[in-house]
Structure formats: C-alpha cells, structure tokens
Amino acid sequence: MKLIGLTAAAVFYLAAVTDAAAQSSRNCGPRIAVVERLAEGYGETRQSMGLGANNAVVEVFASEETGSWTITITRPGGLTCLVASGQAFEEVAEALPTSDEDA
C-alpha cells in the first residue's frame, strides 16, 4: 500500500478533470512512450495504481533516488496523460484511524 493518500487524492482530482483537459496533446501519448520517458528521463518507476473514473487507470510513478514523482491517467483507448508531477516523493503506509480517534 504505497502512496495511499496521494493516489486517493489523484483519483478524486481525476474525477473532476474533463476529457478535453486531460487529453491535451502536449501532455499525452502512447502509454509505452510515456513510461519509457519517465524511466529514462527521471528514473521513475510505477509505485502504485488504481482504477479511476470512467475506467481510467491511475498510476503513480516516482524515483526514490531523486524524489521526483508523476501521476498519470490512461484512458480505455490507451492514451496516457500526465496529470501532476513534483518533488519530495516519500513512501508512506499509514494505518487507518480507529473509530475513537480523530481523522
């Protein structure tokens, strides 16, 4: 369970993003090309994934060496788009709060 909070936030964000905005030509491409670019250019590998709105696959890529991270979305047709990226990646696996604890 890696980046649970970041992935959950990405799924909620993606639900609000329109298809037109998410598929801007400069931020999208064939999945294999996007994954290769993230690996070769930034040293990022897939850290987590999930199913988002409209059957889109949401993936978080990150480099533990450089701290860079990228969130992508892949639509059922195969087009992969960059949604967000940043620095200071940190792997977190926190337990859910119990019912008697504040969230």
PDB file of N, CA and C in Angstrom:
ATOM      1  N   MET A   1       0.847  -1.170   0.000  1.00  0.00           N
ATOM      2  CA  MET A   1       0.000   0.000   0.000  1.00  0.00           C
ATOM      3  C   MET A   1       0.893   1.233   0.000  1.00  0.00           C
ATOM      4  N   LYS A   2       1.239   1.680  -1.155  1.00  0.00           N
ATOM      5  CA  LYS A   2       2.147   2.808  -1.291  1.00  0.00           C
ATOM      6  C   LYS A   2       1.382   4.045  -1.718  1.00  0.00           C
ATOM      7  N   LEU A   3       1.747   5.151  -1.149  1.00  0.00           N
ATOM      8  CA  LEU A   3       1.178   6.441  -1.530  1.00  0.00           C
ATOM      9  C   LEU A   3      -0.347   6.445  -1.510  1.00  0.00           C
ATOM     10  N   ILE A   4      -0.913   5.859  -0.508  1.00  0.00           N
ATOM     11  CA  ILE A   4      -2.364   5.737  -0.432  1.00  0.00           C
ATOM     12  C   ILE A   4      -3.028   7.102  -0.516  1.00  0.00           C
ATOM     13  N   GLY A   5      -2.557   8.034   0.283  1.00  0.00           N
ATOM     14  CA  GLY A   5      -3.175   9.367   0.288  1.00  0.00           C
ATOM     15  C   GLY A   5      -3.018  10.075  -1.032  1.00  0.00           C
ATOM     16  N   LEU A   6      -1.819  10.003  -1.621  1.00  0.00           N
ATOM     17  CA  LEU A   6      -1.576  10.674  -2.891  1.00  0.00           C
ATOM     18  C   LEU A   6      -2.424  10.060  -3.998  1.00  0.00           C
ATOM     19  N   THR A   7      -2.522   8.752  -4.015  1.00  0.00           N
ATOM     20  CA  THR A   7      -3.313   8.085  -5.040  1.00  0.00           C
ATOM     21  C   THR A   7      -4.795   8.412  -4.868  1.00  0.00           C
ATOM     22  N   ALA A   8      -5.273   8.406  -3.640  1.00  0.00           N
ATOM     23  CA  ALA A   8      -6.683   8.731  -3.398  1.00  0.00           C
ATOM     24  C   ALA A   8      -6.979  10.156  -3.842  1.00  0.00           C
ATOM     25  N   ALA A   9      -6.074  11.076  -3.529  1.00  0.00           N
ATOM     26  CA  ALA A   9      -6.262  12.466  -3.948  1.00  0.00           C
ATOM     27  C   ALA A   9      -6.273  12.566  -5.465  1.00  0.00           C
ATOM     28  N   ALA A  10      -5.419  11.793  -6.116  1.00  0.00           N
ATOM     29  CA  ALA A  10      -5.363  11.822  -7.582  1.00  0.00           C
ATOM     30  C   ALA A  10      -6.669  11.326  -8.185  1.00  0.00           C
ATOM     31  N   VAL A  11      -7.237  10.278  -7.606  1.00  0.00           N
ATOM     32  CA  VAL A  11      -8.490   9.736  -8.133  1.00  0.00           C
ATOM     33  C   VAL A  11      -9.603  10.772  -8.009  1.00  0.00           C
ATOM     34  N   PHE A  12      -9.681  11.445  -6.865  1.00  0.00           N
ATOM     35  CA  PHE A  12     -10.699  12.485  -6.698  1.00  0.00           C
ATOM     36  C   PHE A  12     -10.464  13.633  -7.675  1.00  0.00           C
ATOM     37  N   TYR A  13      -9.211  14.009  -7.857  1.00  0.00           N
ATOM     38  CA  TYR A  13      -8.879  15.079  -8.794  1.00  0.00           C
ATOM     39  C   TYR A  13      -9.268  14.679 -10.214  1.00  0.00           C
ATOM     40  N   LEU A  14      -8.951  13.453 -10.574  1.00  0.00           N
ATOM     41  CA  LEU A  14      -9.228  12.988 -11.933  1.00  0.00           C
ATOM     42  C   LEU A  14     -10.719  12.926 -12.226  1.00  0.00           C
ATOM     43  N   ALA A  15     -11.512  12.679 -11.216  1.00  0.00           N
ATOM     44  CA  ALA A  15     -12.954  12.646 -11.420  1.00  0.00           C
ATOM     45  C   ALA A  15     -13.472  14.019 -11.837  1.00  0.00           C
ATOM     46  N   ALA A  16     -12.749  15.073 -11.449  1.00  0.00           N
ATOM     47  CA  ALA A  16     -13.181  16.427 -11.776  1.00  0.00           C
ATOM     48  C   ALA A  16     -12.578  16.950 -13.080  1.00  0.00           C
ATOM     49  N   VAL A  17     -11.591  16.271 -13.602  1.00  0.00           N
ATOM     50  CA  VAL A  17     -10.906  16.732 -14.818  1.00  0.00           C
ATOM     51  C   VAL A  17     -11.707  16.309 -16.047  1.00  0.00           C
ATOM     52  N   THR A  18     -11.925  17.228 -16.953  1.00  0.00           N
ATOM     53  CA  THR A  18     -12.656  16.875 -18.166  1.00  0.00           C
ATOM     54  C   THR A  18     -11.761  16.123 -19.130  1.00  0.00           C
ATOM     55  N   ASP A  19     -12.359  15.359 -20.046  1.00  0.00           N
ATOM     56  CA  ASP A  19     -11.589  14.611 -21.035  1.00  0.00           C
ATOM     57  C   ASP A  19     -10.736  15.550 -21.882  1.00  0.00           C
ATOM     58  N   ALA A  20     -11.269  16.678 -22.256  1.00  0.00           N
ATOM     59  CA  ALA A  20     -10.521  17.607 -23.106  1.00  0.00           C
ATOM     60  C   ALA A  20      -9.275  18.117 -22.405  1.00  0.00           C
ATOM     61  N   ALA A  21      -9.408  18.476 -21.139  1.00  0.00           N
ATOM     62  CA  ALA A  21      -8.250  18.987 -20.399  1.00  0.00           C
ATOM     63  C   ALA A  21      -7.228  17.892 -20.157  1.00  0.00           C
ATOM     64  N   ALA A  22      -7.691  16.691 -19.848  1.00  0.00           N
ATOM     65  CA  ALA A  22      -6.776  15.593 -19.547  1.00  0.00           C
ATOM     66  C   ALA A  22      -6.053  15.090 -20.780  1.00  0.00           C
ATOM     67  N   GLN A  23      -6.591  15.342 -21.955  1.00  0.00           N
ATOM     68  CA  GLN A  23      -6.002  14.803 -23.167  1.00  0.00           C
ATOM     69  C   GLN A  23      -5.326  15.875 -24.013  1.00  0.00           C
ATOM     70  N   SER A  24      -4.813  16.903 -23.370  1.00  0.00           N
ATOM     71  CA  SER A  24      -4.045  17.910 -24.085  1.00  0.00           C
ATOM     72  C   SER A  24      -2.896  17.221 -24.805  1.00  0.00           C
ATOM     73  N   SER A  25      -2.707  17.494 -26.076  1.00  0.00           N
ATOM     74  CA  SER A  25      -1.748  16.752 -26.887  1.00  0.00           C
ATOM     75  C   SER A  25      -0.326  16.833 -26.371  1.00  0.00           C
ATOM     76  N   ARG A  26       0.056  17.936 -25.727  1.00  0.00           N
ATOM     77  CA  ARG A  26       1.438  18.024 -25.269  1.00  0.00           C
ATOM     78  C   ARG A  26       1.677  17.249 -23.982  1.00  0.00           C
ATOM     79  N   ASN A  27       0.623  16.845 -23.297  1.00  0.00           N
ATOM     80  CA  ASN A  27       0.748  16.107 -22.048  1.00  0.00           C
ATOM     81  C   ASN A  27       0.349  14.645 -22.173  1.00  0.00           C
ATOM     82  N   CYS A  28       0.071  14.169 -23.377  1.00  0.00           N
ATOM     83  CA  CYS A  28      -0.418  12.811 -23.574  1.00  0.00           C
ATOM     84  C   CYS A  28       0.377  12.096 -24.666  1.00  0.00           C
ATOM     85  N   GLY A  29       0.310  10.778 -24.631  1.00  0.00           N
ATOM     86  CA  GLY A  29       0.951   9.977 -25.664  1.00  0.00           C
ATOM     87  C   GLY A  29       0.668   8.516 -25.430  1.00  0.00           C
ATOM     88  N   PRO A  30       1.205   7.657 -26.291  1.00  0.00           N
ATOM     89  CA  PRO A  30       1.054   6.213 -26.081  1.00  0.00           C
ATOM     90  C   PRO A  30       1.673   5.820 -24.736  1.00  0.00           C
ATOM     91  N   ARG A  31       1.031   4.941 -24.000  1.00  0.00           N
ATOM     92  CA  ARG A  31       1.487   4.588 -22.652  1.00  0.00           C
ATOM     93  C   ARG A  31       2.942   4.156 -22.637  1.00  0.00           C
ATOM     94  N   ILE A  32       3.330   3.299 -23.558  1.00  0.00           N
ATOM     95  CA  ILE A  32       4.707   2.799 -23.548  1.00  0.00           C
ATOM     96  C   ILE A  32       5.722   3.929 -23.698  1.00  0.00           C
ATOM     97  N   ALA A  33       5.401   4.942 -24.509  1.00  0.00           N
ATOM     98  CA  ALA A  33       6.303   6.078 -24.695  1.00  0.00           C
ATOM     99  C   ALA A  33       6.379   6.922 -23.421  1.00  0.00           C
ATOM    100  N   VAL A  34       5.250   7.116 -22.758  1.00  0.00           N
ATOM    101  CA  VAL A  34       5.225   7.909 -21.520  1.00  0.00           C
ATOM    102  C   VAL A  34       6.014   7.197 -20.427  1.00  0.00           C
ATOM    103  N   VAL A  35       5.803   5.894 -20.261  1.00  0.00           N
ATOM    104  CA  VAL A  35       6.501   5.120 -19.231  1.00  0.00           C
ATOM    105  C   VAL A  35       8.009   5.124 -19.494  1.00  0.00           C
ATOM    106  N   GLU A  36       8.410   4.948 -20.752  1.00  0.00           N
ATOM    107  CA  GLU A  36       9.834   4.977 -21.101  1.00  0.00           C
ATOM    108  C   GLU A  36      10.449   6.341 -20.789  1.00  0.00           C
ATOM    109  N   ARG A  37       9.732   7.405 -21.100  1.00  0.00           N
ATOM    110  CA  ARG A  37      10.229   8.763 -20.832  1.00  0.00           C
ATOM    111  C   ARG A  37      10.407   9.002 -19.337  1.00  0.00           C
ATOM    112  N   LEU A  38       9.453   8.544 -18.537  1.00  0.00           N
ATOM    113  CA  LEU A  38       9.558   8.703 -17.089  1.00  0.00           C
ATOM    114  C   LEU A  38      10.741   7.908 -16.535  1.00  0.00           C
ATOM    115  N   ALA A  39      10.957   6.714 -17.069  1.00  0.00           N
ATOM    116  CA  ALA A  39      12.068   5.872 -16.607  1.00  0.00           C
ATOM    117  C   ALA A  39      13.420   6.433 -17.040  1.00  0.00           C
ATOM    118  N   GLU A  40      13.544   6.759 -18.309  1.00  0.00           N
ATOM    119  CA  GLU A  40      14.826   7.210 -18.843  1.00  0.00           C
ATOM    120  C   GLU A  40      15.158   8.642 -18.443  1.00  0.00           C
ATOM    121  N   GLY A  41      14.163   9.517 -18.454  1.00  0.00           N
ATOM    122  CA  GLY A  41      14.411  10.925 -18.170  1.00  0.00           C
ATOM    123  C   GLY A  41      14.449  11.277 -16.695  1.00  0.00           C
ATOM    124  N   TYR A  42      13.712  10.515 -15.875  1.00  0.00           N
ATOM    125  CA  TYR A  42      13.578  10.887 -14.469  1.00  0.00           C
ATOM    126  C   TYR A  42      13.883   9.748 -13.502  1.00  0.00           C
ATOM    127  N   GLY A  43      14.125   8.548 -14.018  1.00  0.00           N
ATOM    128  CA  GLY A  43      14.404   7.400 -13.158  1.00  0.00           C
ATOM    129  C   GLY A  43      13.195   6.940 -12.370  1.00  0.00           C
ATOM    130  N   GLU A  44      12.001   7.269 -12.865  1.00  0.00           N
ATOM    131  CA  GLU A  44      10.779   6.924 -12.147  1.00  0.00           C
ATOM    132  C   GLU A  44      10.244   5.560 -12.566  1.00  0.00           C
ATOM    133  N   THR A  45       9.756   4.826 -11.583  1.00  0.00           N
ATOM    134  CA  THR A  45       9.098   3.544 -11.817  1.00  0.00           C
ATOM    135  C   THR A  45       7.721   3.587 -11.161  1.00  0.00           C
ATOM    136  N   ARG A  46       6.842   2.685 -11.584  1.00  0.00           N
ATOM    137  CA  ARG A  46       5.487   2.672 -11.034  1.00  0.00           C
ATOM    138  C   ARG A  46       5.533   2.262  -9.570  1.00  0.00           C
ATOM    139  N   GLN A  47       4.885   3.069  -8.736  1.00  0.00           N
ATOM    140  CA  GLN A  47       4.830   2.822  -7.300  1.00  0.00           C
ATOM    141  C   GLN A  47       3.461   2.340  -6.848  1.00  0.00           C
ATOM    142  N   SER A  48       2.406   2.784  -7.533  1.00  0.00           N
ATOM    143  CA  SER A  48       1.054   2.347  -7.194  1.00  0.00           C
ATOM    144  C   SER A  48       0.137   2.591  -8.376  1.00  0.00           C
ATOM    145  N   MET A  49      -1.026   1.964  -8.330  1.00  0.00           N
ATOM    146  CA  MET A  49      -2.010   2.129  -9.400  1.00  0.00           C
ATOM    147  C   MET A  49      -3.397   1.837  -8.869  1.00  0.00           C
ATOM    148  N   GLY A  50      -4.400   2.321  -9.595  1.00  0.00           N
ATOM    149  CA  GLY A  50      -5.785   2.079  -9.214  1.00  0.00           C
ATOM    150  C   GLY A  50      -6.703   2.418 -10.371  1.00  0.00           C
ATOM    151  N   LEU A  51      -7.958   2.104 -10.210  1.00  0.00           N
ATOM    152  CA  LEU A  51      -8.955   2.375 -11.238  1.00  0.00           C
ATOM    153  C   LEU A  51      -9.721   3.630 -10.858  1.00  0.00           C
ATOM    154  N   GLY A  52      -9.737   4.609 -11.754  1.00  0.00           N
ATOM    155  CA  GLY A  52     -10.403   5.876 -11.507  1.00  0.00           C
ATOM    156  C   GLY A  52     -11.714   5.975 -12.260  1.00  0.00           C
ATOM    157  N   ALA A  53     -12.202   7.191 -12.360  1.00  0.00           N
ATOM    158  CA  ALA A  53     -13.462   7.468 -13.040  1.00  0.00           C
ATOM    159  C   ALA A  53     -13.399   7.020 -14.497  1.00  0.00           C
ATOM    160  N   ASN A  54     -14.526   6.587 -15.029  1.00  0.00           N
ATOM    161  CA  ASN A  54     -14.654   6.173 -16.428  1.00  0.00           C
ATOM    162  C   ASN A  54     -13.670   5.090 -16.829  1.00  0.00           C
ATOM    163  N   ASN A  55     -13.337   4.194 -15.900  1.00  0.00           N
ATOM    164  CA  ASN A  55     -12.417   3.074 -16.143  1.00  0.00           C
ATOM    165  C   ASN A  55     -11.013   3.511 -16.533  1.00  0.00           C
ATOM    166  N   ALA A  56     -10.600   4.685 -16.101  1.00  0.00           N
ATOM    167  CA  ALA A  56      -9.242   5.158 -16.353  1.00  0.00           C
ATOM    168  C   ALA A  56      -8.298   4.551 -15.319  1.00  0.00           C
ATOM    169  N   VAL A  57      -7.114   4.153 -15.763  1.00  0.00           N
ATOM    170  CA  VAL A  57      -6.102   3.620 -14.854  1.00  0.00           C
ATOM    171  C   VAL A  57      -5.238   4.786 -14.374  1.00  0.00           C
ATOM    172  N   VAL A  58      -5.179   4.945 -13.060  1.00  0.00           N
ATOM    173  CA  VAL A  58      -4.383   5.998 -12.437  1.00  0.00           C
ATOM    174  C   VAL A  58      -3.115   5.343 -11.901  1.00  0.00           C
ATOM    175  N   GLU A  59      -1.953   5.912 -12.259  1.00  0.00           N
ATOM    176  CA  GLU A  59      -0.688   5.347 -11.807  1.00  0.00           C
ATOM    177  C   GLU A  59       0.186   6.446 -11.210  1.00  0.00           C
ATOM    178  N   VAL A  60       0.919   6.081 -10.175  1.00  0.00           N
ATOM    179  CA  VAL A  60       1.894   6.985  -9.577  1.00  0.00           C
ATOM    180  C   VAL A  60       3.279   6.405  -9.861  1.00  0.00           C
ATOM    181  N   PHE A  61       4.110   7.213 -10.505  1.00  0.00           N
ATOM    182  CA  PHE A  61       5.499   6.858 -10.796  1.00  0.00           C
ATOM    183  C   PHE A  61       6.376   7.735  -9.921  1.00  0.00           C
ATOM    184  N   ALA A  62       7.497   7.197  -9.440  1.00  0.00           N
ATOM    185  CA  ALA A  62       8.380   8.005  -8.605  1.00  0.00           C
ATOM    186  C   ALA A  62       9.787   7.436  -8.632  1.00  0.00           C
ATOM    187  N   SER A  63      10.720   8.294  -8.272  1.00  0.00           N
ATOM    188  CA  SER A  63      12.116   7.901  -8.130  1.00  0.00           C
ATOM    189  C   SER A  63      12.513   8.099  -6.678  1.00  0.00           C
ATOM    190  N   GLU A  64      12.906   7.028  -6.020  1.00  0.00           N
ATOM    191  CA  GLU A  64      13.353   7.138  -4.635  1.00  0.00           C
ATOM    192  C   GLU A  64      14.706   7.833  -4.566  1.00  0.00           C
ATOM    193  N   GLU A  65      15.470   7.812  -5.658  1.00  0.00           N
ATOM    194  CA  GLU A  65      16.786   8.456  -5.682  1.00  0.00           C
ATOM    195  C   GLU A  65      16.685   9.975  -5.793  1.00  0.00           C
ATOM    196  N   THR A  66      15.849  10.461  -6.714  1.00  0.00           N
ATOM    197  CA  THR A  66      15.765  11.908  -6.944  1.00  0.00           C
ATOM    198  C   THR A  66      14.598  12.556  -6.209  1.00  0.00           C
ATOM    199  N   GLY A  67      13.603  11.752  -5.807  1.00  0.00           N
ATOM    200  CA  GLY A  67      12.432  12.290  -5.130  1.00  0.00           C
ATOM    201  C   GLY A  67      11.368  12.815  -6.078  1.00  0.00           C
ATOM    202  N   SER A  68      11.577  12.715  -7.403  1.00  0.00           N
ATOM    203  CA  SER A  68      10.562  13.187  -8.341  1.00  0.00           C
ATOM    204  C   SER A  68       9.418  12.184  -8.411  1.00  0.00           C
ATOM    205  N   TRP A  69       8.213  12.696  -8.722  1.00  0.00           N
ATOM    206  CA  TRP A  69       7.048  11.826  -8.871  1.00  0.00           C
ATOM    207  C   TRP A  69       6.130  12.378  -9.952  1.00  0.00           C
ATOM    208  N   THR A  70       5.349  11.468 -10.555  1.00  0.00           N
ATOM    209  CA  THR A  70       4.414  11.824 -11.614  1.00  0.00           C
ATOM    210  C   THR A  70       3.162  10.977 -11.469  1.00  0.00           C
ATOM    211  N   ILE A  71       2.002  11.601 -11.643  1.00  0.00           N
ATOM    212  CA  ILE A  71       0.732  10.876 -11.665  1.00  0.00           C
ATOM    213  C   ILE A  71       0.235  10.888 -13.106  1.00  0.00           C
ATOM    214  N   THR A  72      -0.119   9.709 -13.611  1.00  0.00           N
ATOM    215  CA  THR A  72      -0.648   9.595 -14.970  1.00  0.00           C
ATOM    216  C   THR A  72      -2.041   8.990 -14.923  1.00  0.00           C
ATOM    217  N   ILE A  73      -2.769   9.185 -16.015  1.00  0.00           N
ATOM    218  CA  ILE A  73      -4.064   8.547 -16.219  1.00  0.00           C
ATOM    219  C   ILE A  73      -4.047   7.949 -17.614  1.00  0.00           C
ATOM    220  N   THR A  74      -4.499   6.702 -17.728  1.00  0.00           N
ATOM    221  CA  THR A  74      -4.585   6.042 -19.024  1.00  0.00           C
ATOM    222  C   THR A  74      -6.046   5.715 -19.290  1.00  0.00           C
ATOM    223  N   ARG A  75      -6.577   6.276 -20.358  1.00  0.00           N
ATOM    224  CA  ARG A  75      -7.970   6.048 -20.753  1.00  0.00           C
ATOM    225  C   ARG A  75      -8.112   4.674 -21.399  1.00  0.00           C
ATOM    226  N   PRO A  76      -9.320   4.118 -21.441  1.00  0.00           N
ATOM    227  CA  PRO A  76      -9.527   2.804 -22.055  1.00  0.00           C
ATOM    228  C   PRO A  76      -8.981   2.691 -23.483  1.00  0.00           C
ATOM    229  N   GLY A  77      -8.938   3.778 -24.235  1.00  0.00           N
ATOM    230  CA  GLY A  77      -8.399   3.742 -25.595  1.00  0.00           C
ATOM    231  C   GLY A  77      -6.888   3.627 -25.657  1.00  0.00           C
ATOM    232  N   GLY A  78      -6.201   3.765 -24.518  1.00  0.00           N
ATOM    233  CA  GLY A  78      -4.752   3.594 -24.479  1.00  0.00           C
ATOM    234  C   GLY A  78      -3.945   4.873 -24.381  1.00  0.00           C
ATOM    235  N   LEU A  79      -4.589   6.029 -24.472  1.00  0.00           N
ATOM    236  CA  LEU A  79      -3.877   7.294 -24.379  1.00  0.00           C
ATOM    237  C   LEU A  79      -3.536   7.574 -22.918  1.00  0.00           C
ATOM    238  N   THR A  80      -2.259   7.858 -22.652  1.00  0.00           N
ATOM    239  CA  THR A  80      -1.795   8.155 -21.302  1.00  0.00           C
ATOM    240  C   THR A  80      -1.487   9.640 -21.196  1.00  0.00           C
ATOM    241  N   CYS A  81      -1.997  10.273 -20.138  1.00  0.00           N
ATOM    242  CA  CYS A  81      -1.800  11.711 -19.929  1.00  0.00           C
ATOM    243  C   CYS A  81      -1.160  11.966 -18.576  1.00  0.00           C
ATOM    244  N   LEU A  82      -0.288  12.973 -18.535  1.00  0.00           N
ATOM    245  CA  LEU A  82       0.310  13.411 -17.279  1.00  0.00           C
ATOM    246  C   LEU A  82      -0.697  14.301 -16.564  1.00  0.00           C
ATOM    247  N   VAL A  83      -0.913  14.045 -15.288  1.00  0.00           N
ATOM    248  CA  VAL A  83      -1.883  14.809 -14.509  1.00  0.00           C
ATOM    249  C   VAL A  83      -1.183  15.755 -13.539  1.00  0.00           C
ATOM    250  N   ALA A  84      -0.147  15.264 -12.886  1.00  0.00           N
ATOM    251  CA  ALA A  84       0.575  16.083 -11.914  1.00  0.00           C
ATOM    252  C   ALA A  84       1.975  15.519 -11.746  1.00  0.00           C
ATOM    253  N   SER A  85       2.891  16.370 -11.301  1.00  0.00           N
ATOM    254  CA  SER A  85       4.249  15.925 -11.008  1.00  0.00           C
ATOM    255  C   SER A  85       4.841  16.833  -9.949  1.00  0.00           C
ATOM    256  N   GLY A  86       5.898  16.375  -9.316  1.00  0.00           N
ATOM    257  CA  GLY A  86       6.513  17.184  -8.289  1.00  0.00           C
ATOM    258  C   GLY A  86       7.759  16.547  -7.724  1.00  0.00           C
ATOM    259  N   GLN A  87       8.162  17.031  -6.576  1.00  0.00           N
ATOM    260  CA  GLN A  87       9.373  16.585  -5.895  1.00  0.00           C
ATOM    261  C   GLN A  87       9.042  16.112  -4.489  1.00  0.00           C
ATOM    262  N   ALA A  88      10.047  15.596  -3.814  1.00  0.00           N
ATOM    263  CA  ALA A  88       9.965  15.169  -2.411  1.00  0.00           C
ATOM    264  C   ALA A  88       9.065  13.946  -2.228  1.00  0.00           C
ATOM    265  N   PHE A  89       9.156  12.989  -3.155  1.00  0.00           N
ATOM    266  CA  PHE A  89       8.414  11.738  -3.034  1.00  0.00           C
ATOM    267  C   PHE A  89       8.817  11.031  -1.744  1.00  0.00           C
ATOM    268  N   GLU A  90       7.816  10.494  -1.061  1.00  0.00           N
ATOM    269  CA  GLU A  90       8.054   9.728   0.147  1.00  0.00           C
ATOM    270  C   GLU A  90       7.040   8.598   0.205  1.00  0.00           C
ATOM    271  N   GLU A  91       7.510   7.393   0.404  1.00  0.00           N
ATOM    272  CA  GLU A  91       6.612   6.249   0.519  1.00  0.00           C
ATOM    273  C   GLU A  91       6.025   6.220   1.919  1.00  0.00           C
ATOM    274  N   VAL A  92       4.697   6.109   1.992  1.00  0.00           N
ATOM    275  CA  VAL A  92       4.007   6.118   3.277  1.00  0.00           C
ATOM    276  C   VAL A  92       2.987   4.990   3.298  1.00  0.00           C
ATOM    277  N   ALA A  93       2.925   4.278   4.384  1.00  0.00           N
ATOM    278  CA  ALA A  93       1.900   3.249   4.577  1.00  0.00           C
ATOM    279  C   ALA A  93       1.341   3.432   5.988  1.00  0.00           C
ATOM    280  N   GLU A  94       0.335   4.275   6.091  1.00  0.00           N
ATOM    281  CA  GLU A  94      -0.253   4.577   7.394  1.00  0.00           C
ATOM    282  C   GLU A  94      -1.478   3.721   7.654  1.00  0.00           C
ATOM    283  N   ALA A  95      -1.682   3.368   8.907  1.00  0.00           N
ATOM    284  CA  ALA A  95      -2.872   2.624   9.287  1.00  0.00           C
ATOM    285  C   ALA A  95      -4.070   3.553   9.362  1.00  0.00           C
ATOM    286  N   LEU A  96      -5.245   3.023   9.078  1.00  0.00           N
ATOM    287  CA  LEU A  96      -6.470   3.807   9.206  1.00  0.00           C
ATOM    288  C   LEU A  96      -6.711   4.126  10.674  1.00  0.00           C
ATOM    289  N   PRO A  97      -7.244   5.325  10.961  1.00  0.00           N
ATOM    290  CA  PRO A  97      -7.550   5.645  12.365  1.00  0.00           C
ATOM    291  C   PRO A  97      -8.688   4.773  12.869  1.00  0.00           C
ATOM    292  N   THR A  98      -8.673   4.489  14.146  1.00  0.00           N
ATOM    293  CA  THR A  98      -9.759   3.717  14.739  1.00  0.00           C
ATOM    294  C   THR A  98     -10.947   4.625  14.953  1.00  0.00           C
ATOM    295  N   SER A  99     -12.094   4.073  15.246  1.00  0.00           N
ATOM    296  CA  SER A  99     -13.320   4.865  15.378  1.00  0.00           C
ATOM    297  C   SER A  99     -13.257   5.845  16.545  1.00  0.00           C
ATOM    298  N   ASP A 100     -12.404   5.610  17.532  1.00  0.00           N
ATOM    299  CA  ASP A 100     -12.301   6.537  18.657  1.00  0.00           C
ATOM    300  C   ASP A 100     -11.211   7.583  18.482  1.00  0.00           C
ATOM    301  N   GLU A 101     -10.558   7.608  17.319  1.00  0.00           N
ATOM    302  CA  GLU A 101      -9.528   8.602  17.023  1.00  0.00           C
ATOM    303  C   GLU A 101     -10.057   9.624  16.026  1.00  0.00           C
ATOM    304  N   ASP A 102      -9.537  10.835  16.107  1.00  0.00           N
ATOM    305  CA  ASP A 102      -9.845  11.830  15.094  1.00  0.00           C
ATOM    306  C   ASP A 102      -9.082  11.486  13.826  1.00  0.00           C
ATOM    307  N   ALA A 103      -9.664  11.810  12.693  1.00  0.00           N
ATOM    308  CA  ALA A 103      -9.031  11.512  11.421  1.00  0.00           C
ATOM    309  C   ALA A 103      -7.836  12.411  11.181  1.00  0.00           C
TER     310      ALA A 103
END
